[in-house]
N, C-alpha and C. Protein backbone atom coordinates (compact mmCIF):
# COMPACT_ATOMS: atom_id res chain seq x y z
N MET A 1 23.09 5.41 -19.53
CA MET A 1 21.97 6.19 -17.93
C MET A 1 23.04 7.07 -17.22
N MET A 2 22.52 7.94 -16.84
CA MET A 2 23.27 8.72 -15.60
C MET A 2 22.15 9.33 -14.90
N TRP A 3 22.28 8.78 -13.41
CA TRP A 3 21.47 9.53 -12.41
C TRP A 3 22.41 10.57 -11.64
N LYS A 4 21.64 11.05 -10.72
CA LYS A 4 22.41 11.69 -9.53
C LYS A 4 23.21 11.26 -8.32
N GLY A 5 22.63 9.81 -8.56
CA GLY A 5 23.00 8.77 -7.23
C GLY A 5 21.95 7.67 -7.43
N ILE A 6 22.23 6.77 -7.07
CA ILE A 6 21.64 5.43 -6.89
C ILE A 6 21.94 4.75 -5.54
N GLU A 7 20.53 5.02 -5.49
CA GLU A 7 20.18 4.78 -3.63
C GLU A 7 20.02 3.01 -3.93
N ASN A 8 19.00 2.45 -4.19
CA ASN A 8 18.87 1.00 -4.42
C ASN A 8 18.58 0.26 -6.14
N VAL A 9 18.76 -0.82 -5.96
CA VAL A 9 17.90 -1.38 -7.23
C VAL A 9 17.87 -2.53 -6.86
N LYS A 10 16.34 -3.14 -7.35
CA LYS A 10 16.09 -4.44 -7.33
C LYS A 10 14.93 -5.10 -8.56
N TRP A 11 14.88 -6.09 -8.39
CA TRP A 11 14.70 -6.85 -9.86
C TRP A 11 12.75 -7.36 -9.28
N ASN A 12 12.58 -7.48 -10.68
CA ASN A 12 11.29 -8.03 -10.12
C ASN A 12 10.76 -9.31 -10.59
N PRO A 13 9.92 -10.14 -10.04
CA PRO A 13 10.12 -11.67 -9.39
C PRO A 13 10.79 -12.43 -10.67
N SER A 14 10.30 -12.15 -11.87
CA SER A 14 10.81 -12.73 -13.31
C SER A 14 11.96 -12.42 -13.50
N GLY A 15 12.94 -11.56 -12.96
CA GLY A 15 14.32 -11.00 -13.35
C GLY A 15 14.17 -10.14 -14.91
N GLN A 16 12.70 -9.89 -15.69
CA GLN A 16 12.94 -9.15 -16.75
C GLN A 16 13.30 -7.74 -16.29
N LEU A 17 12.44 -7.09 -15.57
CA LEU A 17 12.73 -5.50 -15.05
C LEU A 17 13.95 -5.61 -13.74
N LEU A 18 14.58 -4.45 -14.40
CA LEU A 18 15.26 -3.77 -13.05
C LEU A 18 14.86 -2.62 -12.57
N ALA A 19 14.54 -2.25 -11.14
CA ALA A 19 14.26 -0.93 -10.66
C ALA A 19 15.64 -0.33 -10.00
N VAL A 20 15.36 0.96 -10.66
CA VAL A 20 16.58 1.86 -10.24
C VAL A 20 16.27 2.96 -9.18
N ILE A 21 16.43 2.90 -8.24
CA ILE A 21 16.16 3.92 -7.02
C ILE A 21 17.08 4.95 -7.04
N GLY A 22 16.84 6.30 -7.61
CA GLY A 22 17.53 7.58 -7.76
C GLY A 22 17.68 8.64 -6.02
N PHE A 23 18.68 9.23 -6.15
CA PHE A 23 18.22 10.19 -4.54
C PHE A 23 17.53 11.34 -5.02
N ASN A 24 16.94 11.17 -6.39
CA ASN A 24 16.31 12.55 -6.05
C ASN A 24 14.46 12.21 -6.18
N GLU A 25 14.29 10.79 -5.18
CA GLU A 25 12.79 10.63 -5.62
C GLU A 25 12.10 10.04 -6.86
N THR A 26 13.23 9.62 -7.83
CA THR A 26 12.98 8.88 -9.26
C THR A 26 12.97 7.60 -8.68
N ILE A 27 12.43 6.43 -9.70
CA ILE A 27 12.34 5.12 -9.54
C ILE A 27 12.37 5.07 -11.58
N GLU A 28 13.24 4.34 -11.57
CA GLU A 28 13.01 3.91 -13.46
C GLU A 28 13.78 2.13 -13.39
N LEU A 29 12.36 1.62 -14.64
CA LEU A 29 12.91 0.51 -14.56
C LEU A 29 13.14 0.16 -16.07
N LEU A 30 13.90 -0.74 -15.72
CA LEU A 30 15.20 -0.80 -17.19
C LEU A 30 14.69 -2.58 -17.18
N ASN A 31 14.25 -2.31 -18.75
CA ASN A 31 14.48 -3.83 -19.77
C ASN A 31 15.86 -4.59 -19.36
N CYS A 32 15.97 -5.20 -19.05
CA CYS A 32 16.94 -6.48 -18.92
C CYS A 32 17.64 -6.90 -20.46
N VAL A 33 17.26 -6.87 -20.88
CA VAL A 33 17.48 -7.38 -22.35
C VAL A 33 18.50 -5.97 -22.96
N THR A 34 17.36 -4.72 -22.96
CA THR A 34 17.98 -3.74 -23.74
C THR A 34 18.88 -2.83 -22.85
N TRP A 35 18.25 -2.73 -21.91
CA TRP A 35 18.77 -1.94 -20.46
C TRP A 35 18.37 -0.52 -20.52
N HIS A 36 17.34 -0.38 -21.55
CA HIS A 36 17.26 0.97 -21.46
C HIS A 36 15.50 1.40 -20.65
N PRO A 37 15.82 2.34 -19.80
CA PRO A 37 14.46 2.56 -19.44
C PRO A 37 13.20 2.62 -19.95
N ILE A 38 12.19 1.93 -19.52
CA ILE A 38 11.01 1.92 -19.97
C ILE A 38 10.00 2.62 -19.18
N LEU A 39 9.78 3.03 -18.62
CA LEU A 39 9.16 3.70 -17.83
C LEU A 39 9.79 4.08 -16.26
N GLN A 40 8.96 5.30 -15.52
CA GLN A 40 9.73 6.27 -14.93
C GLN A 40 8.57 6.61 -13.98
N LEU A 41 8.92 6.90 -12.57
CA LEU A 41 7.72 7.24 -11.46
C LEU A 41 8.70 8.40 -10.83
N TYR A 42 8.08 9.87 -10.27
CA TYR A 42 8.46 10.44 -9.64
C TYR A 42 7.59 10.42 -8.47
N LEU A 43 8.15 10.57 -7.20
CA LEU A 43 7.09 10.45 -6.15
C LEU A 43 6.93 11.80 -5.92
N GLU A 44 6.15 12.63 -6.41
CA GLU A 44 5.81 14.06 -6.38
C GLU A 44 5.13 14.48 -4.93
N PRO A 45 5.01 15.27 -4.15
CA PRO A 45 4.15 15.93 -2.99
C PRO A 45 2.79 16.19 -3.15
N VAL A 46 2.51 16.36 -4.29
CA VAL A 46 1.47 16.71 -4.44
C VAL A 46 0.36 16.21 -6.19
N ILE A 47 -0.59 15.68 -5.43
CA ILE A 47 -1.18 15.09 -6.24
C ILE A 47 -2.22 15.72 -7.18
N SER A 48 -1.48 16.21 -8.44
CA SER A 48 -2.02 17.16 -9.27
C SER A 48 -3.69 17.01 -9.33
N GLU A 49 -4.44 18.15 -9.85
CA GLU A 49 -5.63 17.88 -10.40
C GLU A 49 -5.84 17.34 -11.57
N ASN A 50 -4.65 17.30 -12.60
CA ASN A 50 -4.73 16.82 -13.77
C ASN A 50 -4.99 14.98 -13.45
N ASN A 51 -4.39 14.71 -12.42
CA ASN A 51 -3.92 13.26 -12.24
C ASN A 51 -5.43 13.04 -11.83
N TYR A 52 -5.99 12.58 -12.45
CA TYR A 52 -8.05 12.22 -11.83
C TYR A 52 -8.05 11.12 -12.27
N LEU A 53 -7.06 10.51 -13.33
CA LEU A 53 -7.81 9.21 -13.49
C LEU A 53 -7.26 7.81 -12.46
N ASN A 54 -6.09 8.08 -11.85
CA ASN A 54 -5.30 7.42 -10.43
C ASN A 54 -6.17 7.17 -9.32
N LYS A 55 -6.56 6.21 -8.47
CA LYS A 55 -7.59 6.08 -7.04
C LYS A 55 -6.42 6.86 -6.08
N VAL A 56 -7.12 7.43 -5.33
CA VAL A 56 -6.96 7.94 -4.26
C VAL A 56 -7.35 7.71 -2.68
N TYR A 57 -6.68 6.85 -1.88
CA TYR A 57 -7.30 5.92 -1.02
C TYR A 57 -7.13 7.05 0.46
N LYS A 58 -8.13 7.83 1.20
CA LYS A 58 -7.35 8.33 2.69
C LYS A 58 -7.90 7.79 3.52
N GLU A 59 -7.39 7.74 4.76
CA GLU A 59 -7.77 7.10 6.29
C GLU A 59 -8.26 8.22 6.60
N HIS A 60 -9.71 7.82 7.30
CA HIS A 60 -10.58 8.91 8.33
C HIS A 60 -10.92 8.27 9.45
N ILE A 61 -10.83 9.07 10.14
CA ILE A 61 -11.49 8.84 11.91
C ILE A 61 -12.54 9.22 12.23
N ILE A 62 -13.61 8.01 12.46
CA ILE A 62 -14.69 8.69 12.87
C ILE A 62 -15.02 8.55 14.20
N HIS A 63 -15.30 9.92 14.72
CA HIS A 63 -15.60 9.90 16.51
C HIS A 63 -17.40 10.04 16.75
N PRO A 64 -17.37 8.88 17.38
CA PRO A 64 -18.88 9.15 17.84
C PRO A 64 -19.03 10.61 18.44
N LYS A 65 -20.62 10.02 18.32
CA LYS A 65 -21.31 11.65 19.07
C LYS A 65 -20.90 12.20 20.51
N ASN A 66 -20.66 13.12 20.35
CA ASN A 66 -20.55 13.30 22.15
C ASN A 66 -19.32 12.81 22.49
N SER A 67 -18.30 12.08 21.81
CA SER A 67 -17.18 11.65 22.11
C SER A 67 -16.09 13.05 22.13
N VAL A 68 -15.03 12.71 23.60
CA VAL A 68 -13.96 13.81 22.72
C VAL A 68 -12.66 13.09 22.06
N LYS A 69 -12.23 14.14 20.93
CA LYS A 69 -12.03 13.93 19.78
C LYS A 69 -10.51 13.15 19.85
N SER A 70 -9.92 13.57 21.05
CA SER A 70 -8.62 12.81 21.21
C SER A 70 -8.72 11.48 21.52
N SER A 71 -9.75 11.11 22.25
CA SER A 71 -9.90 9.65 22.38
C SER A 71 -10.05 8.69 21.17
N ASN A 72 -9.53 7.41 21.07
CA ASN A 72 -9.26 6.88 20.07
C ASN A 72 -10.60 5.27 20.59
N LEU A 73 -10.88 5.17 21.68
CA LEU A 73 -11.04 3.83 22.28
C LEU A 73 -12.24 4.08 21.58
N TYR A 74 -13.21 4.71 20.88
CA TYR A 74 -14.38 4.43 20.33
C TYR A 74 -14.81 4.69 18.76
N SER A 75 -13.72 5.30 18.53
CA SER A 75 -12.95 5.71 17.35
C SER A 75 -13.22 4.54 15.78
N LYS A 76 -13.49 4.81 14.91
CA LYS A 76 -13.67 3.80 13.82
C LYS A 76 -12.89 4.52 12.68
N HIS A 77 -11.65 3.50 12.25
CA HIS A 77 -11.20 4.00 11.24
C HIS A 77 -11.83 3.38 9.57
N ILE A 78 -11.44 4.26 8.52
CA ILE A 78 -12.13 3.93 7.34
C ILE A 78 -10.98 4.81 6.29
N LEU A 79 -11.19 3.90 5.16
CA LEU A 79 -10.24 4.09 3.87
C LEU A 79 -11.72 4.50 2.70
N LYS A 80 -11.72 5.94 2.57
CA LYS A 80 -12.11 6.55 1.70
C LYS A 80 -12.05 6.82 0.09
N GLU A 81 -12.54 6.77 -0.80
CA GLU A 81 -11.69 7.21 -1.81
C GLU A 81 -12.12 8.73 -2.11
N GLU A 82 -11.07 9.62 -2.35
CA GLU A 82 -11.02 10.80 -2.75
C GLU A 82 -10.76 11.59 -4.09
N ASN A 83 -11.62 12.04 -4.64
CA ASN A 83 -12.04 12.62 -6.08
C ASN A 83 -11.01 14.02 -6.18
N ASP A 84 -11.34 14.74 -5.10
CA ASP A 84 -10.83 16.25 -5.35
C ASP A 84 -9.41 16.33 -5.51
N ARG A 85 -8.94 17.14 -6.07
CA ARG A 85 -7.91 17.33 -6.97
C ARG A 85 -7.26 18.75 -6.53
N PRO A 86 -6.28 19.51 -6.41
CA PRO A 86 -5.07 18.69 -6.09
C PRO A 86 -4.91 18.46 -4.44
N LEU A 87 -4.21 17.44 -4.06
CA LEU A 87 -3.87 16.67 -2.52
C LEU A 87 -2.76 16.69 -2.48
N ASN A 88 -2.46 17.86 -0.98
CA ASN A 88 -0.67 17.66 -0.49
C ASN A 88 -0.71 16.64 0.05
N ILE A 89 0.40 15.61 -0.13
CA ILE A 89 0.84 14.57 0.73
C ILE A 89 1.66 15.03 2.05
N ARG A 90 1.70 14.39 2.97
CA ARG A 90 2.23 14.84 3.90
C ARG A 90 3.44 14.69 3.94
N ILE A 91 4.07 15.66 4.06
CA ILE A 91 5.76 15.63 4.42
C ILE A 91 6.37 15.28 5.89
N GLY A 92 6.80 14.01 6.01
CA GLY A 92 7.38 14.18 7.64
C GLY A 92 8.81 14.72 7.78
N ARG A 93 9.27 14.42 9.05
CA ARG A 93 10.25 15.49 10.06
C ARG A 93 11.26 14.17 9.66
N ILE A 94 12.59 14.94 9.25
CA ILE A 94 14.10 14.62 9.36
C ILE A 94 14.38 14.72 10.87
N ASP A 95 15.27 14.06 11.07
CA ASP A 95 15.91 13.76 12.58
C ASP A 95 16.65 15.28 12.10
N ASN A 96 17.04 16.43 12.77
CA ASN A 96 17.65 17.16 12.54
C ASN A 96 19.46 16.84 13.32
N ASN A 97 18.77 16.13 14.34
CA ASN A 97 20.42 15.74 14.91
C ASN A 97 21.29 14.84 14.11
N ASP A 98 20.73 14.39 13.01
CA ASP A 98 21.56 13.96 12.43
C ASP A 98 21.69 14.23 10.95
N LYS A 99 22.69 14.58 10.93
CA LYS A 99 23.17 16.06 9.80
C LYS A 99 23.14 14.69 8.49
N CYS A 100 23.81 13.79 8.26
CA CYS A 100 24.37 13.14 7.85
C CYS A 100 23.21 12.48 6.81
N LEU A 101 21.89 12.22 7.52
CA LEU A 101 20.69 11.48 6.93
C LEU A 101 20.18 12.07 5.44
N ILE A 102 20.00 10.67 4.92
CA ILE A 102 19.47 11.36 3.56
C ILE A 102 18.23 10.56 3.65
N ALA A 103 17.42 11.26 3.38
CA ALA A 103 15.69 10.01 3.32
C ALA A 103 15.76 9.25 1.74
N LYS A 104 15.31 8.74 1.95
CA LYS A 104 15.46 7.80 0.78
C LYS A 104 14.01 6.75 0.48
N VAL A 105 13.95 5.59 -0.08
CA VAL A 105 12.97 4.90 -0.39
C VAL A 105 13.55 4.01 0.50
N ASP A 106 12.07 3.71 1.33
CA ASP A 106 12.93 2.44 2.63
C ASP A 106 11.42 1.07 2.40
N ILE A 107 10.49 1.42 1.61
CA ILE A 107 9.76 -0.31 0.78
C ILE A 107 9.94 0.26 -0.58
N LEU A 108 9.87 -1.24 -0.83
CA LEU A 108 10.01 -1.33 -2.53
C LEU A 108 9.79 -2.74 -2.63
N GLU A 109 8.53 -3.09 -2.93
CA GLU A 109 7.99 -4.75 -3.20
C GLU A 109 7.12 -4.54 -3.97
N TYR A 110 7.71 -5.60 -4.95
CA TYR A 110 6.83 -6.01 -6.00
C TYR A 110 5.99 -7.13 -5.39
N SER A 111 4.51 -6.92 -6.25
CA SER A 111 3.83 -8.31 -5.99
C SER A 111 3.78 -9.47 -6.55
N SER A 112 3.70 -10.77 -6.29
CA SER A 112 4.10 -12.00 -6.54
C SER A 112 3.87 -11.92 -8.20
N CYS A 113 3.03 -11.68 -8.78
CA CYS A 113 2.85 -11.55 -10.47
C CYS A 113 3.81 -10.57 -10.76
N GLY A 114 4.37 -9.65 -9.94
CA GLY A 114 5.54 -8.67 -10.75
C GLY A 114 4.48 -7.70 -11.39
N ARG A 115 3.30 -7.47 -11.58
CA ARG A 115 2.96 -6.34 -12.22
C ARG A 115 2.60 -5.26 -11.11
N TYR A 116 2.60 -5.11 -9.66
CA TYR A 116 2.26 -4.16 -9.10
C TYR A 116 3.29 -4.11 -7.85
N LEU A 117 3.91 -2.48 -7.96
CA LEU A 117 5.05 -2.20 -7.34
C LEU A 117 4.90 -1.46 -5.85
N ALA A 118 4.79 -1.59 -4.50
CA ALA A 118 4.06 -1.07 -3.29
C ALA A 118 5.70 0.14 -2.87
N ILE A 119 5.28 1.30 -2.71
CA ILE A 119 6.13 2.40 -2.47
C ILE A 119 6.23 3.10 -1.58
N LYS A 120 7.09 2.96 -0.47
CA LYS A 120 7.33 4.31 0.44
C LYS A 120 8.59 4.93 0.81
N HIS A 121 8.50 6.28 0.80
CA HIS A 121 9.70 7.38 0.66
C HIS A 121 9.58 7.91 1.98
N GLN A 122 11.12 7.76 2.75
CA GLN A 122 10.91 8.19 4.10
C GLN A 122 10.30 9.90 4.09
N LEU A 123 10.43 10.32 2.95
CA LEU A 123 9.89 12.09 3.28
C LEU A 123 8.49 12.02 3.25
N TYR A 124 7.52 10.92 3.24
CA TYR A 124 6.18 10.84 3.05
C TYR A 124 5.84 9.54 3.95
N PRO A 125 6.30 9.56 4.88
CA PRO A 125 6.24 8.61 5.84
C PRO A 125 4.89 7.83 5.88
N THR A 126 4.00 8.70 5.64
CA THR A 126 2.16 8.11 5.83
C THR A 126 1.70 7.66 4.09
N THR A 127 2.41 7.69 3.40
CA THR A 127 1.96 7.78 2.34
C THR A 127 2.55 6.26 1.29
N LEU A 128 1.82 5.77 0.91
CA LEU A 128 1.99 4.44 0.05
C LEU A 128 1.74 4.84 -1.49
N TRP A 129 2.55 4.69 -2.13
CA TRP A 129 2.16 4.27 -3.78
C TRP A 129 2.38 2.96 -4.18
N ILE A 130 1.06 2.84 -5.03
CA ILE A 130 1.24 1.44 -5.37
C ILE A 130 0.99 1.60 -7.28
N TRP A 131 2.07 1.31 -7.65
CA TRP A 131 2.57 1.31 -9.33
C TRP A 131 1.87 0.14 -10.14
N ASP A 132 0.85 0.44 -10.74
CA ASP A 132 0.62 -0.81 -11.55
C ASP A 132 1.59 -0.63 -13.06
N ILE A 133 2.67 -1.19 -13.00
CA ILE A 133 3.71 -1.00 -13.88
C ILE A 133 3.63 -1.74 -15.33
N ILE A 134 1.87 -2.03 -15.76
CA ILE A 134 1.51 -2.54 -17.02
C ILE A 134 0.94 -1.30 -17.46
N ALA A 135 0.18 -1.24 -16.84
CA ALA A 135 -0.80 0.17 -17.50
C ALA A 135 -0.12 1.43 -17.14
N ASP A 136 0.67 1.60 -16.26
CA ASP A 136 1.47 2.94 -15.76
C ASP A 136 0.53 4.07 -15.03
N HIS A 137 -0.05 3.10 -14.08
CA HIS A 137 -1.07 3.82 -13.39
C HIS A 137 -0.70 3.78 -11.73
N ILE A 138 -1.08 4.74 -11.02
CA ILE A 138 -0.86 4.74 -9.54
C ILE A 138 -2.05 4.76 -8.84
N ASP A 139 -2.30 3.74 -7.66
CA ASP A 139 -3.09 4.11 -6.84
C ASP A 139 -2.37 4.57 -5.31
N TYR A 140 -2.78 5.72 -4.62
CA TYR A 140 -1.81 6.07 -3.63
C TYR A 140 -2.85 5.83 -2.44
N ILE A 141 -2.52 5.99 -1.21
CA ILE A 141 -2.91 5.48 0.03
C ILE A 141 -2.40 6.26 0.95
N LEU A 142 -3.52 7.06 1.31
CA LEU A 142 -2.55 8.33 2.60
C LEU A 142 -3.52 7.90 4.15
N PHE A 143 -1.91 8.00 4.71
CA PHE A 143 -2.33 7.18 6.21
C PHE A 143 -2.60 8.13 7.28
N GLN A 144 -2.99 7.68 8.26
CA GLN A 144 -2.76 8.77 9.50
C GLN A 144 -1.75 8.86 10.23
N ASN A 145 -0.91 6.94 10.05
CA ASN A 145 -0.02 7.24 11.27
C ASN A 145 1.36 6.65 10.26
N THR A 146 2.31 6.02 10.35
CA THR A 146 3.71 6.24 9.83
C THR A 146 3.55 4.59 9.30
N ILE A 147 3.47 4.51 8.06
CA ILE A 147 3.82 2.75 7.60
C ILE A 147 4.92 2.05 8.17
N THR A 148 4.46 1.13 9.02
CA THR A 148 5.80 0.35 9.54
C THR A 148 5.94 -1.00 8.53
N GLY A 149 5.06 -1.27 7.52
CA GLY A 149 5.79 -2.54 7.14
C GLY A 149 4.49 -3.14 5.88
N VAL A 150 4.48 -3.79 4.76
CA VAL A 150 3.80 -3.74 3.81
C VAL A 150 4.05 -5.31 3.39
N LYS A 151 3.27 -6.32 3.01
CA LYS A 151 3.62 -7.35 2.48
C LYS A 151 2.31 -8.03 1.57
N TRP A 152 3.15 -8.56 0.58
CA TRP A 152 1.87 -9.22 -0.55
C TRP A 152 1.52 -10.38 -0.41
N ASN A 153 0.83 -10.43 -0.52
CA ASN A 153 0.12 -11.87 -0.53
C ASN A 153 0.61 -12.80 -1.62
N PRO A 154 1.20 -14.25 -1.33
CA PRO A 154 2.22 -14.61 -2.17
C PRO A 154 1.34 -15.48 -3.45
N LYS A 155 0.27 -15.21 -3.41
CA LYS A 155 -0.73 -15.70 -4.25
C LYS A 155 -1.98 -14.98 -5.17
N HIS A 156 -1.46 -13.91 -4.70
CA HIS A 156 -2.67 -13.04 -5.41
C HIS A 156 -2.25 -11.56 -5.43
N ALA A 157 -2.64 -10.76 -6.42
CA ALA A 157 -2.51 -9.12 -6.06
C ALA A 157 -3.25 -8.28 -5.08
N HIS A 158 -2.59 -8.89 -3.91
CA HIS A 158 -3.51 -8.45 -2.41
C HIS A 158 -2.20 -8.09 -1.67
N LEU A 159 -2.47 -6.75 -0.72
CA LEU A 159 -1.10 -6.46 -0.09
C LEU A 159 -1.91 -6.08 1.19
N LEU A 160 -1.16 -6.14 2.08
CA LEU A 160 -1.70 -6.05 3.42
C LEU A 160 -0.77 -4.95 3.90
N VAL A 161 -0.97 -3.83 5.05
CA VAL A 161 -0.35 -2.57 5.33
C VAL A 161 -0.45 -2.61 6.53
N LEU A 162 0.22 -1.85 7.12
CA LEU A 162 0.99 -1.77 8.52
C LEU A 162 1.30 -0.17 9.28
N CYS A 163 0.58 0.29 10.04
CA CYS A 163 0.93 1.67 10.33
C CYS A 163 1.26 1.82 12.00
N GLU A 164 1.48 0.60 12.65
CA GLU A 164 1.77 0.65 14.09
C GLU A 164 0.42 1.61 14.79
N CYS A 165 -0.75 0.90 14.36
CA CYS A 165 -2.12 1.14 15.24
C CYS A 165 -2.75 -0.54 15.29
N ALA A 166 -4.18 -0.36 15.78
CA ALA A 166 -4.60 -1.52 15.40
C ALA A 166 -5.86 -1.37 14.64
N TYR A 167 -5.36 -1.44 13.52
CA TYR A 167 -5.90 -1.55 12.12
C TYR A 167 -5.10 -2.45 11.38
N THR A 168 -5.81 -3.05 10.49
CA THR A 168 -4.74 -3.77 9.51
C THR A 168 -5.58 -3.10 7.92
N PHE A 169 -4.73 -3.11 6.98
CA PHE A 169 -5.22 -2.16 6.23
C PHE A 169 -4.52 -3.06 4.79
N GLU A 170 -5.93 -3.03 3.83
CA GLU A 170 -6.09 -4.55 2.48
C GLU A 170 -6.27 -2.91 1.39
N TRP A 171 -5.03 -3.68 0.69
CA TRP A 171 -5.25 -3.16 -1.13
C TRP A 171 -5.63 -4.09 -1.96
N THR A 172 -6.54 -4.28 -2.88
CA THR A 172 -6.74 -4.89 -4.15
C THR A 172 -6.48 -3.98 -5.36
N PRO A 173 -6.48 -4.41 -6.08
CA PRO A 173 -6.72 -3.60 -7.38
C PRO A 173 -8.08 -2.79 -7.55
N ASN A 174 -8.91 -3.50 -7.13
CA ASN A 174 -10.44 -2.99 -6.72
C ASN A 174 -10.56 -2.43 -6.08
N LYS A 175 -10.65 -2.36 -4.58
CA LYS A 175 -10.77 -1.26 -3.52
C LYS A 175 -9.63 -1.72 -2.30
N ALA A 176 -9.68 -0.61 -1.18
CA ALA A 176 -8.81 -0.64 -0.33
C ALA A 176 -9.84 -0.26 0.77
N THR A 177 -9.59 -1.53 2.12
CA THR A 177 -10.06 -1.60 2.79
C THR A 177 -9.30 -1.50 4.34
N CYS A 178 -10.25 -1.59 5.55
CA CYS A 178 -9.58 -0.99 6.76
C CYS A 178 -9.86 -1.89 7.76
N THR A 179 -9.60 -2.82 8.82
CA THR A 179 -10.10 -3.55 9.34
C THR A 179 -9.44 -3.59 10.70
N SER A 180 -10.26 -3.66 11.73
CA SER A 180 -9.71 -3.03 13.28
C SER A 180 -9.09 -4.66 13.66
N THR A 181 -7.71 -5.27 13.98
CA THR A 181 -6.96 -6.13 14.67
C THR A 181 -7.82 -6.73 15.13
N PRO A 182 -7.59 -8.09 15.59
CA PRO A 182 -8.20 -8.82 16.33
C PRO A 182 -7.62 -8.46 17.93
N ASN A 183 -8.57 -7.95 19.22
CA ASN A 183 -7.84 -8.39 20.25
C ASN A 183 -7.42 -6.74 20.36
N ASN A 184 -7.74 -5.89 18.86
CA ASN A 184 -6.80 -4.50 19.55
C ASN A 184 -5.51 -4.20 19.46
N ILE A 185 -4.84 -5.42 18.79
CA ILE A 185 -3.09 -5.61 18.94
C ILE A 185 -2.98 -4.62 18.05
N THR A 186 -1.51 -3.64 18.70
CA THR A 186 -1.08 -2.58 17.77
C THR A 186 0.07 -3.09 16.53
N ALA A 187 -0.67 -3.57 15.35
CA ALA A 187 0.31 -4.17 14.18
C ALA A 187 1.28 -3.56 13.75
N LEU A 188 2.47 -4.04 13.72
CA LEU A 188 3.84 -3.21 13.32
C LEU A 188 4.01 -3.87 12.14
N ASN A 189 3.85 -5.46 11.94
CA ASN A 189 4.07 -6.14 10.42
C ASN A 189 3.65 -7.30 10.30
N ALA A 190 3.68 -8.28 9.44
CA ALA A 190 2.59 -9.27 9.49
C ALA A 190 3.57 -10.56 8.28
N HIS A 191 3.53 -11.31 8.15
CA HIS A 191 4.22 -12.44 7.30
C HIS A 191 2.91 -13.28 6.88
N TRP A 192 2.79 -13.64 5.73
CA TRP A 192 1.94 -14.53 4.75
C TRP A 192 2.65 -16.36 4.81
N HIS A 193 1.41 -16.86 5.07
CA HIS A 193 1.72 -18.18 5.03
C HIS A 193 1.94 -18.57 3.32
N CYS A 194 2.54 -19.46 2.94
CA CYS A 194 2.45 -19.75 1.40
C CYS A 194 1.32 -20.04 0.86
N ASN A 195 0.02 -20.60 1.46
CA ASN A 195 -0.69 -20.86 1.03
C ASN A 195 -1.88 -19.35 0.69
N GLY A 196 -1.44 -18.47 1.03
CA GLY A 196 -1.97 -16.78 0.69
C GLY A 196 -3.17 -16.74 1.06
N LYS A 197 -3.67 -17.95 2.36
CA LYS A 197 -5.39 -17.53 2.75
C LYS A 197 -4.35 -17.42 4.60
N THR A 198 -3.62 -17.37 4.86
CA THR A 198 -3.25 -17.32 6.15
C THR A 198 -1.73 -16.54 6.57
N PHE A 199 -1.93 -15.65 7.41
CA PHE A 199 -1.12 -14.46 8.05
C PHE A 199 -0.52 -14.37 9.59
N ILE A 200 0.18 -13.90 9.90
CA ILE A 200 0.54 -13.72 11.06
C ILE A 200 0.68 -12.23 11.46
N LEU A 201 0.17 -11.67 12.09
CA LEU A 201 0.24 -10.02 12.38
C LEU A 201 0.76 -10.29 13.91
N TYR A 202 1.97 -9.54 13.67
CA TYR A 202 2.88 -9.18 15.42
C TYR A 202 3.10 -7.95 14.89
N GLY A 203 3.05 -7.58 16.85
CA GLY A 203 3.49 -6.27 17.36
C GLY A 203 4.24 -6.28 18.63
N TYR A 204 4.28 -5.31 19.62
CA TYR A 204 5.60 -5.17 20.55
C TYR A 204 5.77 -6.52 21.22
N ASN A 205 4.59 -7.61 21.56
CA ASN A 205 4.70 -8.27 23.03
C ASN A 205 3.59 -9.68 22.16
N LYS A 206 2.82 -9.26 21.24
CA LYS A 206 1.86 -10.41 20.61
C LYS A 206 1.67 -10.83 19.33
N VAL A 207 1.63 -11.88 19.32
CA VAL A 207 1.69 -12.42 17.79
C VAL A 207 0.22 -13.23 17.28
N ILE A 208 -0.58 -12.74 16.34
CA ILE A 208 -1.60 -13.49 16.20
C ILE A 208 -1.97 -13.95 14.78
N ILE A 209 -2.58 -15.19 14.67
CA ILE A 209 -2.81 -15.81 13.42
C ILE A 209 -4.25 -15.75 12.84
N CYS A 210 -3.87 -14.90 11.42
CA CYS A 210 -4.99 -14.68 10.94
C CYS A 210 -5.71 -15.39 9.84
N GLN A 211 -7.20 -15.55 9.43
CA GLN A 211 -7.44 -16.10 8.18
C GLN A 211 -8.22 -15.43 7.63
N ILE A 212 -7.96 -15.26 6.01
CA ILE A 212 -8.91 -14.35 5.32
C ILE A 212 -9.44 -15.31 4.44
N GLU A 213 -11.12 -14.53 4.25
CA GLU A 213 -12.31 -15.24 3.38
C GLU A 213 -11.71 -15.69 2.27
N ASP A 214 -12.69 -16.30 1.36
CA ASP A 214 -12.45 -16.61 0.42
C ASP A 214 -12.54 -15.69 -0.53
N LYS A 215 -12.02 -14.73 -1.06
CA LYS A 215 -12.11 -13.63 -1.94
C LYS A 215 -11.60 -13.18 -2.97
N PHE A 216 -10.99 -14.45 -3.54
CA PHE A 216 -10.14 -14.78 -4.92
C PHE A 216 -10.84 -16.01 -5.81
């Protein structure tokens, strides 16, 4: 097996698969018995018109009538499934002052069951890939702000996504939703309790304990 450069590697929870991240925005899954690649994902900047079987969720900001669009005080954020293709993925800016900087995958997190893999690349800071490695199926979530953290529920295929805003985003295999944070705190990351029903949201100077409804 030859790569143009290996950026990182990560085992799935059962230790049966190894994800190898290359510097060419490619992720390969290797079987730990044969060490042969069984799946490959390339993080393309365009969701093509042939890619109609995969779900794409996009964050939209709804402003009240007669409001100033630049004000987010009374605006509402929603995640809406997009059916149009092709869709361009927004490319982020690389710091020109750091000429040695190489953009890389900075989020690669398996769900507790090992079936799903959440991925973010620094080239695409507002896009999350969620890869179903059994069905070889991708869900995309396109956000307005940079993703700052993701946390899988330790009991279920249920993902929290934080984007340095006053909203938390949740993904399950059936849907993706958006909820305002308690007291409108700017959430940067989260930590789950081991029971899978409680999590902590934290921002710059606040911490809030949240409990989810019994949805599983």
